[in-house]
PDB file of all heavy atoms in Angstrom:
ATOM      1  N   GLU A   1      -3.907  18.312 -13.968  1.00  0.00           N
ATOM      2  CA  GLU A   1      -3.795  17.635 -15.251  1.00  0.00           C
ATOM      3  C   GLU A   1      -2.792  18.333 -16.168  1.00  0.00           C
ATOM      4  O   GLU A   1      -2.032  17.692 -16.874  1.00  0.00           O
ATOM      5  CB  GLU A   1      -5.169  17.586 -15.922  1.00  0.00           C
ATOM      6  CG  GLU A   1      -5.173  16.822 -17.232  1.00  0.00           C
ATOM      7  CD  GLU A   1      -6.581  16.752 -17.803  1.00  0.00           C
ATOM      8  OE1 GLU A   1      -7.415  17.589 -17.403  1.00  0.00           O
ATOM      9  OE2 GLU A   1      -6.836  15.883 -18.643  1.00  0.00           O
ATOM     10  N   ASP A   2      -2.766  19.677 -16.165  1.00  0.00           N
ATOM     11  CA  ASP A   2      -1.868  20.402 -17.060  1.00  0.00           C
ATOM     12  C   ASP A   2      -0.405  20.131 -16.754  1.00  0.00           C
ATOM     13  O   ASP A   2       0.452  20.265 -17.610  1.00  0.00           O
ATOM     14  CB  ASP A   2      -2.135  21.910 -16.964  1.00  0.00           C
ATOM     15  CG  ASP A   2      -3.508  22.263 -17.526  1.00  0.00           C
ATOM     16  OD1 ASP A   2      -4.038  21.446 -18.306  1.00  0.00           O
ATOM     17  OD2 ASP A   2      -4.047  23.325 -17.164  1.00  0.00           O
ATOM     18  N   THR A   3      -0.100  19.752 -15.513  1.00  0.00           N
ATOM     19  CA  THR A   3       1.274  19.482 -15.133  1.00  0.00           C
ATOM     20  C   THR A   3       1.596  18.004 -15.208  1.00  0.00           C
ATOM     21  O   THR A   3       2.652  17.578 -14.770  1.00  0.00           O
ATOM     22  CB  THR A   3       1.541  19.983 -13.701  1.00  0.00           C
ATOM     23  OG1 THR A   3       0.719  19.240 -12.796  1.00  0.00           O
ATOM     24  CG2 THR A   3       1.252  21.456 -13.578  1.00  0.00           C
ATOM     25  N   GLY A   4       0.666  17.235 -15.736  1.00  0.00           N
ATOM     26  CA  GLY A   4       0.895  15.794 -15.861  1.00  0.00           C
ATOM     27  C   GLY A   4       0.643  15.036 -14.583  1.00  0.00           C
ATOM     28  O   GLY A   4       1.008  13.871 -14.455  1.00  0.00           O
ATOM     29  N   GLN A   5       0.003  15.683 -13.569  1.00  0.00           N
ATOM     30  CA  GLN A   5      -0.273  15.037 -12.293  1.00  0.00           C
ATOM     31  C   GLN A   5      -1.762  14.783 -12.169  1.00  0.00           C
ATOM     32  O   GLN A   5      -2.566  15.448 -12.809  1.00  0.00           O
ATOM     33  CB  GLN A   5       0.190  15.922 -11.130  1.00  0.00           C
ATOM     34  CG  GLN A   5       1.683  16.213 -11.160  1.00  0.00           C
ATOM     35  CD  GLN A   5       2.042  17.189 -10.065  1.00  0.00           C
ATOM     36  OE1 GLN A   5       1.171  17.809  -9.465  1.00  0.00           O
ATOM     37  NE2 GLN A   5       3.332  17.329  -9.808  1.00  0.00           N
ATOM     38  N   THR A   6      -2.097  13.820 -11.346  1.00  0.00           N
ATOM     39  CA  THR A   6      -3.501  13.569 -11.062  1.00  0.00           C
ATOM     40  C   THR A   6      -3.748  13.774  -9.586  1.00  0.00           C
ATOM     41  O   THR A   6      -2.830  13.701  -8.770  1.00  0.00           O
ATOM     42  CB  THR A   6      -3.896  12.125 -11.431  1.00  0.00           C
ATOM     43  OG1 THR A   6      -3.016  11.233 -10.742  1.00  0.00           O
ATOM     44  CG2 THR A   6      -3.795  11.896 -12.911  1.00  0.00           C
ATOM     45  N   LEU A   7      -4.992  14.051  -9.257  1.00  0.00           N
ATOM     46  CA  LEU A   7      -5.352  14.324  -7.874  1.00  0.00           C
ATOM     47  C   LEU A   7      -5.350  13.034  -7.083  1.00  0.00           C
ATOM     48  O   LEU A   7      -5.958  12.055  -7.474  1.00  0.00           O
ATOM     49  CB  LEU A   7      -6.750  14.956  -7.826  1.00  0.00           C
ATOM     50  CG  LEU A   7      -7.282  15.334  -6.451  1.00  0.00           C
ATOM     51  CD1 LEU A   7      -6.442  16.466  -5.883  1.00  0.00           C
ATOM     52  CD2 LEU A   7      -8.730  15.749  -6.554  1.00  0.00           C
ATOM     53  N   THR A   8      -4.663  13.023  -5.975  1.00  0.00           N
ATOM     54  CA  THR A   8      -4.667  11.870  -5.075  1.00  0.00           C
ATOM     55  C   THR A   8      -5.017  12.352  -3.684  1.00  0.00           C
ATOM     56  O   THR A   8      -4.759  13.503  -3.318  1.00  0.00           O
ATOM     57  CB  THR A   8      -3.299  11.154  -5.039  1.00  0.00           C
ATOM     58  OG1 THR A   8      -2.294  12.101  -4.651  1.00  0.00           O
ATOM     59  CG2 THR A   8      -2.944  10.592  -6.395  1.00  0.00           C
ATOM     60  N   LEU A   9      -5.591  11.477  -2.886  1.00  0.00           N
ATOM     61  CA  LEU A   9      -5.980  11.851  -1.538  1.00  0.00           C
ATOM     62  C   LEU A   9      -4.732  11.973  -0.665  1.00  0.00           C
ATOM     63  O   LEU A   9      -3.838  11.138  -0.738  1.00  0.00           O
ATOM     64  CB  LEU A   9      -6.916  10.793  -0.949  1.00  0.00           C
ATOM     65  CG  LEU A   9      -8.218  10.617  -1.727  1.00  0.00           C
ATOM     66  CD1 LEU A   9      -9.071   9.555  -1.066  1.00  0.00           C
ATOM     67  CD2 LEU A   9      -8.990  11.924  -1.804  1.00  0.00           C
ATOM     68  N   PRO A  10      -4.632  12.994   0.177  1.00  0.00           N
ATOM     69  CA  PRO A  10      -3.402  13.248   0.905  1.00  0.00           C
ATOM     70  C   PRO A  10      -3.029  12.151   1.884  1.00  0.00           C
ATOM     71  O   PRO A  10      -1.866  11.972   2.190  1.00  0.00           O
ATOM     72  CB  PRO A  10      -3.701  14.564   1.648  1.00  0.00           C
ATOM     73  CG  PRO A  10      -5.191  14.663   1.688  1.00  0.00           C
ATOM     74  CD  PRO A  10      -5.660  14.007   0.442  1.00  0.00           C
ATOM     75  N   GLU A  11      -4.029  11.383   2.391  1.00  0.00           N
ATOM     76  CA  GLU A  11      -3.677  10.372   3.383  1.00  0.00           C
ATOM     77  C   GLU A  11      -3.060   9.119   2.779  1.00  0.00           C
ATOM     78  O   GLU A  11      -2.633   8.234   3.495  1.00  0.00           O
ATOM     79  CB  GLU A  11      -4.920   9.980   4.211  1.00  0.00           C
ATOM     80  CG  GLU A  11      -6.113   9.576   3.373  1.00  0.00           C
ATOM     81  CD  GLU A  11      -6.994  10.754   3.090  1.00  0.00           C
ATOM     82  OE1 GLU A  11      -6.482  11.781   2.663  1.00  0.00           O
ATOM     83  OE2 GLU A  11      -8.200  10.653   3.319  1.00  0.00           O
ATOM     84  N   PHE A  12      -3.022   9.006   1.465  1.00  0.00           N
ATOM     85  CA  PHE A  12      -2.415   7.858   0.817  1.00  0.00           C
ATOM     86  C   PHE A  12      -0.990   8.207   0.417  1.00  0.00           C
ATOM     87  O   PHE A  12      -0.749   9.191  -0.280  1.00  0.00           O
ATOM     88  CB  PHE A  12      -3.208   7.445  -0.425  1.00  0.00           C
ATOM     89  CG  PHE A  12      -4.624   7.084  -0.114  1.00  0.00           C
ATOM     90  CD1 PHE A  12      -5.675   7.598  -0.854  1.00  0.00           C
ATOM     91  CD2 PHE A  12      -4.899   6.243   0.933  1.00  0.00           C
ATOM     92  CE1 PHE A  12      -6.971   7.265  -0.556  1.00  0.00           C
ATOM     93  CE2 PHE A  12      -6.203   5.902   1.233  1.00  0.00           C
ATOM     94  CZ  PHE A  12      -7.237   6.415   0.493  1.00  0.00           C
ATOM     95  N   ARG A  13      -0.034   7.384   0.814  1.00  0.00           N
ATOM     96  CA  ARG A  13       1.354   7.629   0.481  1.00  0.00           C
ATOM     97  C   ARG A  13       1.716   6.978  -0.834  1.00  0.00           C
ATOM     98  O   ARG A  13       1.250   5.898  -1.158  1.00  0.00           O
ATOM     99  CB  ARG A  13       2.263   7.071   1.585  1.00  0.00           C
ATOM    100  CG  ARG A  13       1.997   7.683   2.944  1.00  0.00           C
ATOM    101  CD  ARG A  13       3.200   7.483   3.836  1.00  0.00           C
ATOM    102  NE  ARG A  13       3.657   6.110   3.838  1.00  0.00           N
ATOM    103  CZ  ARG A  13       3.196   5.179   4.668  1.00  0.00           C
ATOM    104  NH1 ARG A  13       2.279   5.501   5.543  1.00  0.00           N
ATOM    105  NH2 ARG A  13       3.659   3.951   4.626  1.00  0.00           N
ATOM    106  N   ALA A  14       2.586   7.642  -1.579  1.00  0.00           N
ATOM    107  CA  ALA A  14       2.984   7.126  -2.886  1.00  0.00           C
ATOM    108  C   ALA A  14       3.798   5.866  -2.776  1.00  0.00           C
ATOM    109  O   ALA A  14       3.900   5.102  -3.725  1.00  0.00           O
ATOM    110  CB  ALA A  14       3.786   8.186  -3.639  1.00  0.00           C
ATOM    111  N   ASP A  15       4.411   5.612  -1.601  1.00  0.00           N
ATOM    112  CA  ASP A  15       5.235   4.409  -1.463  1.00  0.00           C
ATOM    113  C   ASP A  15       4.460   3.253  -0.868  1.00  0.00           C
ATOM    114  O   ASP A  15       5.037   2.261  -0.453  1.00  0.00           O
ATOM    115  CB  ASP A  15       6.465   4.703  -0.588  1.00  0.00           C
ATOM    116  CG  ASP A  15       6.065   5.134   0.827  1.00  0.00           C
ATOM    117  OD1 ASP A  15       4.868   5.418   1.038  1.00  0.00           O
ATOM    118  OD2 ASP A  15       6.952   5.181   1.694  1.00  0.00           O
ATOM    119  N   ALA A  16       3.103   3.365  -0.836  1.00  0.00           N
ATOM    120  CA  ALA A  16       2.298   2.280  -0.250  1.00  0.00           C
ATOM    121  C   ALA A  16       2.478   0.994  -1.008  1.00  0.00           C
ATOM    122  O   ALA A  16       2.476  -0.093  -0.436  1.00  0.00           O
ATOM    123  CB  ALA A  16       0.814   2.667  -0.228  1.00  0.00           C
ATOM    124  N   GLY A  17       2.644   1.066  -2.328  1.00  0.00           N
ATOM    125  CA  GLY A  17       2.816  -0.147  -3.117  1.00  0.00           C
ATOM    126  C   GLY A  17       4.069  -0.888  -2.759  1.00  0.00           C
ATOM    127  O   GLY A  17       4.133  -2.122  -2.816  1.00  0.00           O
ATOM    128  N   ALA A  18       5.141  -0.169  -2.341  1.00  0.00           N
ATOM    129  CA  ALA A  18       6.382  -0.842  -2.001  1.00  0.00           C
ATOM    130  C   ALA A  18       6.230  -1.647  -0.737  1.00  0.00           C
ATOM    131  O   ALA A  18       6.933  -2.629  -0.515  1.00  0.00           O
ATOM    132  CB  ALA A  18       7.495   0.191  -1.836  1.00  0.00           C
ATOM    133  N   GLU A  19       5.316  -1.227   0.149  1.00  0.00           N
ATOM    134  CA  GLU A  19       5.127  -1.948   1.390  1.00  0.00           C
ATOM    135  C   GLU A  19       4.202  -3.126   1.230  1.00  0.00           C
ATOM    136  O   GLU A  19       4.088  -3.965   2.108  1.00  0.00           O
ATOM    137  CB  GLU A  19       4.541  -1.001   2.445  1.00  0.00           C
ATOM    138  CG  GLU A  19       5.437   0.168   2.774  1.00  0.00           C
ATOM    139  CD  GLU A  19       4.745   1.122   3.731  1.00  0.00           C
ATOM    140  OE1 GLU A  19       3.602   0.846   4.094  1.00  0.00           O
ATOM    141  OE2 GLU A  19       5.367   2.121   4.103  1.00  0.00           O
ATOM    142  N   ASP A  20       3.506  -3.218   0.097  1.00  0.00           N
ATOM    143  CA  ASP A  20       2.467  -4.226  -0.095  1.00  0.00           C
ATOM    144  C   ASP A  20       3.011  -5.631   0.024  1.00  0.00           C
ATOM    145  O   ASP A  20       2.431  -6.493   0.667  1.00  0.00           O
ATOM    146  CB  ASP A  20       1.805  -4.033  -1.460  1.00  0.00           C
ATOM    147  CG  ASP A  20       0.667  -4.999  -1.670  1.00  0.00           C
ATOM    148  OD1 ASP A  20      -0.246  -4.997  -0.837  1.00  0.00           O
ATOM    149  OD2 ASP A  20       0.707  -5.751  -2.654  1.00  0.00           O
ATOM    150  N   GLY A  21       4.162  -5.883  -0.596  1.00  0.00           N
ATOM    151  CA  GLY A  21       4.705  -7.233  -0.555  1.00  0.00           C
ATOM    152  C   GLY A  21       5.043  -7.654   0.851  1.00  0.00           C
ATOM    153  O   GLY A  21       4.813  -8.787   1.257  1.00  0.00           O
ATOM    154  N   ALA A  22       5.613  -6.703   1.640  1.00  0.00           N
ATOM    155  CA  ALA A  22       5.956  -7.044   3.017  1.00  0.00           C
ATOM    156  C   ALA A  22       4.709  -7.345   3.822  1.00  0.00           C
ATOM    157  O   ALA A  22       4.671  -8.280   4.619  1.00  0.00           O
ATOM    158  CB  ALA A  22       6.735  -5.892   3.652  1.00  0.00           C
ATOM    159  N   ASN A  23       3.653  -6.544   3.630  1.00  0.00           N
ATOM    160  CA  ASN A  23       2.415  -6.785   4.367  1.00  0.00           C
ATOM    161  C   ASN A  23       1.811  -8.122   3.993  1.00  0.00           C
ATOM    162  O   ASN A  23       1.290  -8.849   4.838  1.00  0.00           O
ATOM    163  CB  ASN A  23       1.413  -5.665   4.078  1.00  0.00           C
ATOM    164  CG  ASN A  23       1.848  -4.345   4.682  1.00  0.00           C
ATOM    165  OD1 ASN A  23       2.598  -4.326   5.640  1.00  0.00           O
ATOM    166  ND2 ASN A  23       1.382  -3.250   4.106  1.00  0.00           N
ATOM    167  N   ASP A  24       1.828  -8.455   2.681  1.00  0.00           N
ATOM    168  CA  ASP A  24       1.279  -9.729   2.257  1.00  0.00           C
ATOM    169  C   ASP A  24       2.060 -10.879   2.860  1.00  0.00           C
ATOM    170  O   ASP A  24       1.505 -11.921   3.228  1.00  0.00           O
ATOM    171  CB  ASP A  24       1.310  -9.840   0.729  1.00  0.00           C
ATOM    172  CG  ASP A  24       0.229  -8.992   0.091  1.00  0.00           C
ATOM    173  OD1 ASP A  24      -0.760  -8.707   0.796  1.00  0.00           O
ATOM    174  OD2 ASP A  24       0.376  -8.633  -1.087  1.00  0.00           O
ATOM    175  N   ALA A  25       3.382 -10.729   2.939  1.00  0.00           N
ATOM    176  CA  ALA A  25       4.187 -11.799   3.512  1.00  0.00           C
ATOM    177  C   ALA A  25       3.804 -12.032   4.953  1.00  0.00           C
ATOM    178  O   ALA A  25       3.746 -13.170   5.435  1.00  0.00           O
ATOM    179  CB  ALA A  25       5.671 -11.450   3.405  1.00  0.00           C
ATOM    180  N   GLU A  26       3.528 -10.910   5.698  1.00  0.00           N
ATOM    181  CA  GLU A  26       3.113 -11.075   7.076  1.00  0.00           C
ATOM    182  C   GLU A  26       1.758 -11.749   7.154  1.00  0.00           C
ATOM    183  O   GLU A  26       1.528 -12.617   7.999  1.00  0.00           O
ATOM    184  CB  GLU A  26       3.050  -9.703   7.745  1.00  0.00           C
ATOM    185  CG  GLU A  26       4.432  -9.055   7.931  1.00  0.00           C
ATOM    186  CD  GLU A  26       4.310  -7.667   8.503  1.00  0.00           C
ATOM    187  OE1 GLU A  26       3.168  -7.273   8.824  1.00  0.00           O
ATOM    188  OE2 GLU A  26       5.331  -6.986   8.632  1.00  0.00           O
ATOM    189  N   GLU A  27       0.819 -11.357   6.274  1.00  0.00           N
ATOM    190  CA  GLU A  27      -0.523 -11.930   6.307  1.00  0.00           C
ATOM    191  C   GLU A  27      -0.496 -13.424   6.001  1.00  0.00           C
ATOM    192  O   GLU A  27      -1.253 -14.196   6.580  1.00  0.00           O
ATOM    193  CB  GLU A  27      -1.420 -11.210   5.302  1.00  0.00           C
ATOM    194  CG  GLU A  27      -1.725  -9.775   5.704  1.00  0.00           C
ATOM    195  CD  GLU A  27      -2.444  -9.027   4.606  1.00  0.00           C
ATOM    196  OE1 GLU A  27      -2.776  -9.661   3.595  1.00  0.00           O
ATOM    197  OE2 GLU A  27      -2.657  -7.828   4.773  1.00  0.00           O
ATOM    198  N   ASP A  28       0.383 -13.829   5.083  1.00  0.00           N
ATOM    199  CA  ASP A  28       0.427 -15.238   4.703  1.00  0.00           C
ATOM    200  C   ASP A  28       0.910 -16.115   5.845  1.00  0.00           C
ATOM    201  O   ASP A  28       0.716 -17.328   5.828  1.00  0.00           O
ATOM    202  CB  ASP A  28       1.332 -15.427   3.488  1.00  0.00           C
ATOM    203  CG  ASP A  28       0.683 -14.876   2.232  1.00  0.00           C
ATOM    204  OD1 ASP A  28      -0.536 -14.676   2.239  1.00  0.00           O
ATOM    205  OD2 ASP A  28       1.408 -14.644   1.264  1.00  0.00           O
ATOM    206  N   THR A  29       1.617 -15.531   6.830  1.00  0.00           N
ATOM    207  CA  THR A  29       2.121 -16.334   7.933  1.00  0.00           C
ATOM    208  C   THR A  29       1.112 -16.431   9.059  1.00  0.00           C
ATOM    209  O   THR A  29       1.325 -17.165  10.017  1.00  0.00           O
ATOM    210  CB  THR A  29       3.422 -15.727   8.490  1.00  0.00           C
ATOM    211  OG1 THR A  29       3.142 -14.421   9.013  1.00  0.00           O
ATOM    212  CG2 THR A  29       4.485 -15.642   7.422  1.00  0.00           C
ATOM    213  N   LEU A  30       0.022 -15.687   8.986  1.00  0.00           N
ATOM    214  CA  LEU A  30      -0.973 -15.723  10.050  1.00  0.00           C
ATOM    215  C   LEU A  30      -1.734 -17.029  10.024  1.00  0.00           C
ATOM    216  O   LEU A  30      -1.996 -17.588   8.982  1.00  0.00           O
ATOM    217  CB  LEU A  30      -1.955 -14.558   9.919  1.00  0.00           C
ATOM    218  CG  LEU A  30      -1.380 -13.163  10.175  1.00  0.00           C
ATOM    219  CD1 LEU A  30      -2.460 -12.120   9.952  1.00  0.00           C
ATOM    220  CD2 LEU A  30      -0.846 -13.055  11.583  1.00  0.00           C
ATOM    221  N   ASP A  31      -2.107 -17.486  11.170  1.00  0.00           N
ATOM    222  CA  ASP A  31      -2.914 -18.688  11.308  1.00  0.00           C
ATOM    223  C   ASP A  31      -4.230 -18.281  11.934  1.00  0.00           C
ATOM    224  O   ASP A  31      -4.317 -17.263  12.636  1.00  0.00           O
ATOM    225  CB  ASP A  31      -2.188 -19.700  12.218  1.00  0.00           C
ATOM    226  CG  ASP A  31      -2.897 -21.043  12.245  1.00  0.00           C
ATOM    227  OD1 ASP A  31      -3.845 -21.164  13.033  1.00  0.00           O
ATOM    228  OD2 ASP A  31      -2.501 -21.937  11.477  1.00  0.00           O
ATOM    229  N   GLU A  32      -5.281 -19.063  11.695  1.00  0.00           N
ATOM    230  CA  GLU A  32      -6.579 -18.731  12.285  1.00  0.00           C
ATOM    231  C   GLU A  32      -6.485 -18.634  13.804  1.00  0.00           C
ATOM    232  O   GLU A  32      -7.193 -17.870  14.448  1.00  0.00           O
ATOM    233  CB  GLU A  32      -7.624 -19.775  11.891  1.00  0.00           C
ATOM    234  CG  GLU A  32      -8.010 -19.707  10.419  1.00  0.00           C
ATOM    235  CD  GLU A  32      -9.106 -20.689  10.104  1.00  0.00           C
ATOM    236  OE1 GLU A  32      -9.585 -21.349  11.035  1.00  0.00           O
ATOM    237  OE2 GLU A  32      -9.489 -20.786   8.935  1.00  0.00           O
ATOM    238  N   LEU A  33      -5.564 -19.419  14.406  1.00  0.00           N
ATOM    239  CA  LEU A  33      -5.440 -19.401  15.854  1.00  0.00           C
ATOM    240  C   LEU A  33      -4.903 -18.066  16.353  1.00  0.00           C
ATOM    241  O   LEU A  33      -5.080 -17.706  17.509  1.00  0.00           O
ATOM    242  CB  LEU A  33      -4.516 -20.536  16.315  1.00  0.00           C
ATOM    243  CG  LEU A  33      -5.039 -21.951  16.023  1.00  0.00           C
ATOM    244  CD1 LEU A  33      -4.011 -22.967  16.469  1.00  0.00           C
ATOM    245  CD2 LEU A  33      -6.358 -22.199  16.725  1.00  0.00           C
ATOM    246  N   ASP A  34      -4.216 -17.304  15.462  1.00  0.00           N
ATOM    247  CA  ASP A  34      -3.676 -16.014  15.871  1.00  0.00           C
ATOM    248  C   ASP A  34      -4.783 -15.029  16.209  1.00  0.00           C
ATOM    249  O   ASP A  34      -4.534 -14.030  16.880  1.00  0.00           O
ATOM    250  CB  ASP A  34      -2.803 -15.419  14.752  1.00  0.00           C
ATOM    251  CG  ASP A  34      -1.560 -16.265  14.522  1.00  0.00           C
ATOM    252  OD1 ASP A  34      -1.044 -16.804  15.512  1.00  0.00           O
ATOM    253  OD2 ASP A  34      -1.127 -16.376  13.362  1.00  0.00           O
TER     254      ASP A  34
END
């Protein structure tokens, strides 16, 4: 906190949000038959 940072779990990457749109685009193309 003193350095302006917050504790985050090491297995989560800071760039996960940037990949979110790409993942959603893939999910939207899925069909139940898949």
